[in-house]
C-alpha atoms as a PDB file:
ATOM      1  CA  MET A   1       0.000   0.000   0.000  1.00  0.00           C
ATOM      2  CA  LEU A   2       2.661   2.557   1.025  1.00  0.00           C
ATOM      3  CA  LYS A   3       5.439   1.771  -1.438  1.00  0.00           C
ATOM      4  CA  ALA A   4       6.646   5.119  -2.834  1.00  0.00           C
ATOM      5  CA  ARG A   5      10.452   5.345  -2.687  1.00  0.00           C
ATOM      6  CA  THR A   6      12.963   8.073  -3.383  1.00  0.00           C
ATOM      7  CA  ALA A   7      16.661   8.127  -4.228  1.00  0.00           C
ATOM      8  CA  ALA A   8      17.432   9.598  -0.793  1.00  0.00           C
ATOM      9  CA  GLY A   9      15.256   7.251   1.226  1.00  0.00           C
ATOM     10  CA  ASP A  10      13.680   3.877   1.654  1.00  0.00           C
ATOM     11  CA  ASP A  11      10.395   2.657   3.102  1.00  0.00           C
ATOM     12  CA  GLY A  12      10.502   3.028   6.893  1.00  0.00           C
ATOM     13  CA  GLY A  13       6.853   2.760   7.944  1.00  0.00           C
ATOM     14  CA  GLY A  14       3.426   4.144   7.232  1.00  0.00           C
ATOM     15  CA  ALA A  15       0.594   5.673   9.232  1.00  0.00           C
ATOM     16  CA  ILE A  16      -2.928   6.884   8.531  1.00  0.00           C
ATOM     17  CA  VAL A  17      -4.348  10.080   9.998  1.00  0.00           C
ATOM     18  CA  LEU A  18      -7.479   9.141  11.964  1.00  0.00           C
ATOM     19  CA  ARG A  19      -8.195  12.541  13.493  1.00  0.00           C
ATOM     20  CA  VAL A  20      -6.747  16.055  13.484  1.00  0.00           C
ATOM     21  CA  PHE A  21      -6.353  17.988  16.734  1.00  0.00           C
ATOM     22  CA  GLY A  22      -5.885  21.770  16.796  1.00  0.00           C
ATOM     23  CA  ILE A  23      -3.521  22.809  19.567  1.00  0.00           C
ATOM     24  CA  GLY A  24      -2.723  26.517  19.521  1.00  0.00           C
ATOM     25  CA  ARG A  25      -1.666  27.331  15.971  1.00  0.00           C
ATOM     26  CA  ALA A  26      -0.506  23.784  15.228  1.00  0.00           C
ATOM     27  CA  ASN A  27      -2.481  20.830  13.919  1.00  0.00           C
ATOM     28  CA  ILE A  28      -1.559  17.427  15.330  1.00  0.00           C
ATOM     29  CA  ALA A  29      -2.284  14.311  13.295  1.00  0.00           C
ATOM     30  CA  GLY A  30      -3.745  11.535  15.447  1.00  0.00           C
ATOM     31  CA  CYS A  31      -2.355   8.496  13.619  1.00  0.00           C
ATOM     32  CA  ARG A  32      -2.276   4.714  13.675  1.00  0.00           C
ATOM     33  CA  VAL A  33       0.889   3.078  12.357  1.00  0.00           C
ATOM     34  CA  LEU A  34      -0.079   0.588   9.647  1.00  0.00           C
ATOM     35  CA  ASN A  35       3.320  -0.975   8.977  1.00  0.00           C
ATOM     36  CA  GLY A  36       6.950  -0.665   9.963  1.00  0.00           C
ATOM     37  CA  VAL A  37       8.209   1.935  12.437  1.00  0.00           C
ATOM     38  CA  ILE A  38       7.973   5.718  12.377  1.00  0.00           C
ATOM     39  CA  GLU A  39      10.817   7.411  14.212  1.00  0.00           C
ATOM     40  CA  ARG A  40      10.910  10.992  15.483  1.00  0.00           C
ATOM     41  CA  SER A  41      13.994  11.662  13.326  1.00  0.00           C
ATOM     42  CA  SER A  42      12.323  10.448  10.097  1.00  0.00           C
ATOM     43  CA  ARG A  43      11.212  12.543   7.176  1.00  0.00           C
ATOM     44  CA  VAL A  44       7.776  11.619   5.853  1.00  0.00           C
ATOM     45  CA  HIS A  45       5.963  11.803   2.555  1.00  0.00           C
ATOM     46  CA  LEU A  46       2.483  13.263   2.973  1.00  0.00           C
ATOM     47  CA  ILE A  47       0.162  11.321   0.675  1.00  0.00           C
ATOM     48  CA  ARG A  48      -3.341  12.575  -0.112  1.00  0.00           C
ATOM     49  CA  GLU A  49      -5.654  10.979  -2.664  1.00  0.00           C
ATOM     50  CA  GLN A  50      -2.822   8.666  -3.797  1.00  0.00           C
ATOM     51  CA  LYS A  51      -0.510  11.608  -4.596  1.00  0.00           C
ATOM     52  CA  ILE A  52       2.652  12.579  -2.727  1.00  0.00           C
ATOM     53  CA  LEU A  53       2.183  16.247  -1.795  1.00  0.00           C
ATOM     54  CA  ASN A  54       5.671  16.781  -0.336  1.00  0.00           C
ATOM     55  CA  ASP A  55       8.068  15.464   2.274  1.00  0.00           C
ATOM     56  CA  TYR A  56       8.406  16.995   5.737  1.00  0.00           C
ATOM     57  CA  SER A  57      10.391  16.570   8.926  1.00  0.00           C
ATOM     58  CA  ILE A  58       8.514  15.356  11.982  1.00  0.00           C
ATOM     59  CA  GLY A  59       8.323  18.254  14.450  1.00  0.00           C
ATOM     60  CA  SER A  60       7.103  16.045  17.273  1.00  0.00           C
ATOM     61  CA  LEU A  61       5.952  12.481  17.764  1.00  0.00           C
ATOM     62  CA  ARG A  62       4.145  11.548  20.965  1.00  0.00           C
ATOM     63  CA  ARG A  63       2.696   8.363  22.342  1.00  0.00           C
ATOM     64  CA  GLY A  64       0.617   9.260  25.365  1.00  0.00           C
ATOM     65  CA  LYS A  65       2.143  11.988  27.536  1.00  0.00           C
ATOM     66  CA  LYS A  66       5.779  11.325  26.560  1.00  0.00           C
ATOM     67  CA  ASP A  67       7.758  13.427  24.086  1.00  0.00           C
ATOM     68  CA  ASP A  68      11.265  12.110  23.561  1.00  0.00           C
ATOM     69  CA  SER A  69      13.455  12.820  20.527  1.00  0.00           C
ATOM     70  CA  ARG A  70      14.341   9.097  20.441  1.00  0.00           C
ATOM     71  CA  GLU A  71      10.661   8.125  20.476  1.00  0.00           C
ATOM     72  CA  SER A  72       9.225   5.875  17.804  1.00  0.00           C
ATOM     73  CA  ALA A  73       5.907   4.184  17.092  1.00  0.00           C
ATOM     74  CA  GLY A  74       5.550   0.689  15.624  1.00  0.00           C
ATOM     75  CA  LYS A  75       2.855  -1.208  13.765  1.00  0.00           C
ATOM     76  CA  GLY A  76      -0.563  -1.014  15.449  1.00  0.00           C
ATOM     77  CA  MET A  77       0.387   1.860  17.784  1.00  0.00           C
ATOM     78  CA  GLU A  78      -1.387   5.197  17.916  1.00  0.00           C
ATOM     79  CA  CYS A  79       0.562   8.435  18.148  1.00  0.00           C
ATOM     80  CA  GLY A  80       0.331  12.174  17.595  1.00  0.00           C
ATOM     81  CA  ILE A  81       2.527  13.655  14.872  1.00  0.00           C
ATOM     82  CA  ARG A  82       3.203  17.329  14.115  1.00  0.00           C
ATOM     83  CA  LEU A  83       4.931  18.082  10.832  1.00  0.00           C
ATOM     84  CA  ASP A  84       7.433  20.943  10.491  1.00  0.00           C
ATOM     85  CA  GLY A  85       6.288  23.480   7.906  1.00  0.00           C
ATOM     86  CA  PHE A  86       2.885  21.932   7.164  1.00  0.00           C
ATOM     87  CA  ASN A  87      -0.360  22.495   9.022  1.00  0.00           C
ATOM     88  CA  ASP A  88      -3.060  21.422   6.534  1.00  0.00           C
ATOM     89  CA  ILE A  89      -3.295  17.789   7.644  1.00  0.00           C
ATOM     90  CA  LYS A  90      -6.595  16.075   6.890  1.00  0.00           C
ATOM     91  CA  GLU A  91      -8.223  12.878   8.105  1.00  0.00           C
ATOM     92  CA  GLY A  92      -7.370  10.029   5.734  1.00  0.00           C
ATOM     93  CA  ASP A  93      -3.927  11.421   4.800  1.00  0.00           C
ATOM     94  CA  LEU A  94      -1.123   8.878   4.790  1.00  0.00           C
ATOM     95  CA  LEU A  95       2.320   9.513   6.226  1.00  0.00           C
ATOM     96  CA  GLU A  96       5.139   7.390   4.824  1.00  0.00           C
ATOM     97  CA  ALA A  97       8.373   7.519   6.826  1.00  0.00           C
ATOM     98  CA  LEU A  98      11.631   7.471   4.924  1.00  0.00           C
ATOM     99  CA  GLN A  99      14.832   6.028   6.329  1.00  0.00           C
ATOM    100  CA  ASP A 100      18.028   7.683   5.180  1.00  0.00           C
ATOM    101  CA  ARG A 101      20.157   5.057   3.421  1.00  0.00           C
ATOM    102  CA  ARG A 102      23.344   6.799   4.575  1.00  0.00           C
ATOM    103  CA  LYS A 103      22.327   6.313   8.227  1.00  0.00           C
ATOM    104  CA  SER A 104      21.369   2.678   7.586  1.00  0.00           C
ATOM    105  CA  ALA A 105      24.674   2.008   5.829  1.00  0.00           C
ATOM    106  CA  ALA A 106      26.633   3.659   8.645  1.00  0.00           C
ATOM    107  CA  ARG A 107      24.843   1.441  11.183  1.00  0.00           C
ATOM    108  CA  TRP A 108      25.807  -1.716   9.268  1.00  0.00           C
ATOM    109  CA  ASN A 109      29.398  -0.601   8.619  1.00  0.00           C
ATOM    110  CA  SER A 110      30.246   0.267  12.236  1.00  0.00           C
END
């Protein structure tokens, strides 16, 4: 389902936006992770109506009351995600996390 790939990244995980919460000036996407893992340090493709709108950094990722820069959410988990530089999140949007191949290669080569 979430299979778009780029030269700079690889499939890291996908989530669907179930609900949008307005907090101050920011919109938080209430998501459920459908596959893989979404990490706080990931960049994500925002997919709407089967089209990639753009890719964004995750500004925050929370599960419950915790907010930790090392936080991640795995398959089946629910989390809140705020994207840096994008506030027009809608219910039904898909977020596809990209893993940086350079980081993955460095992990395997160390």
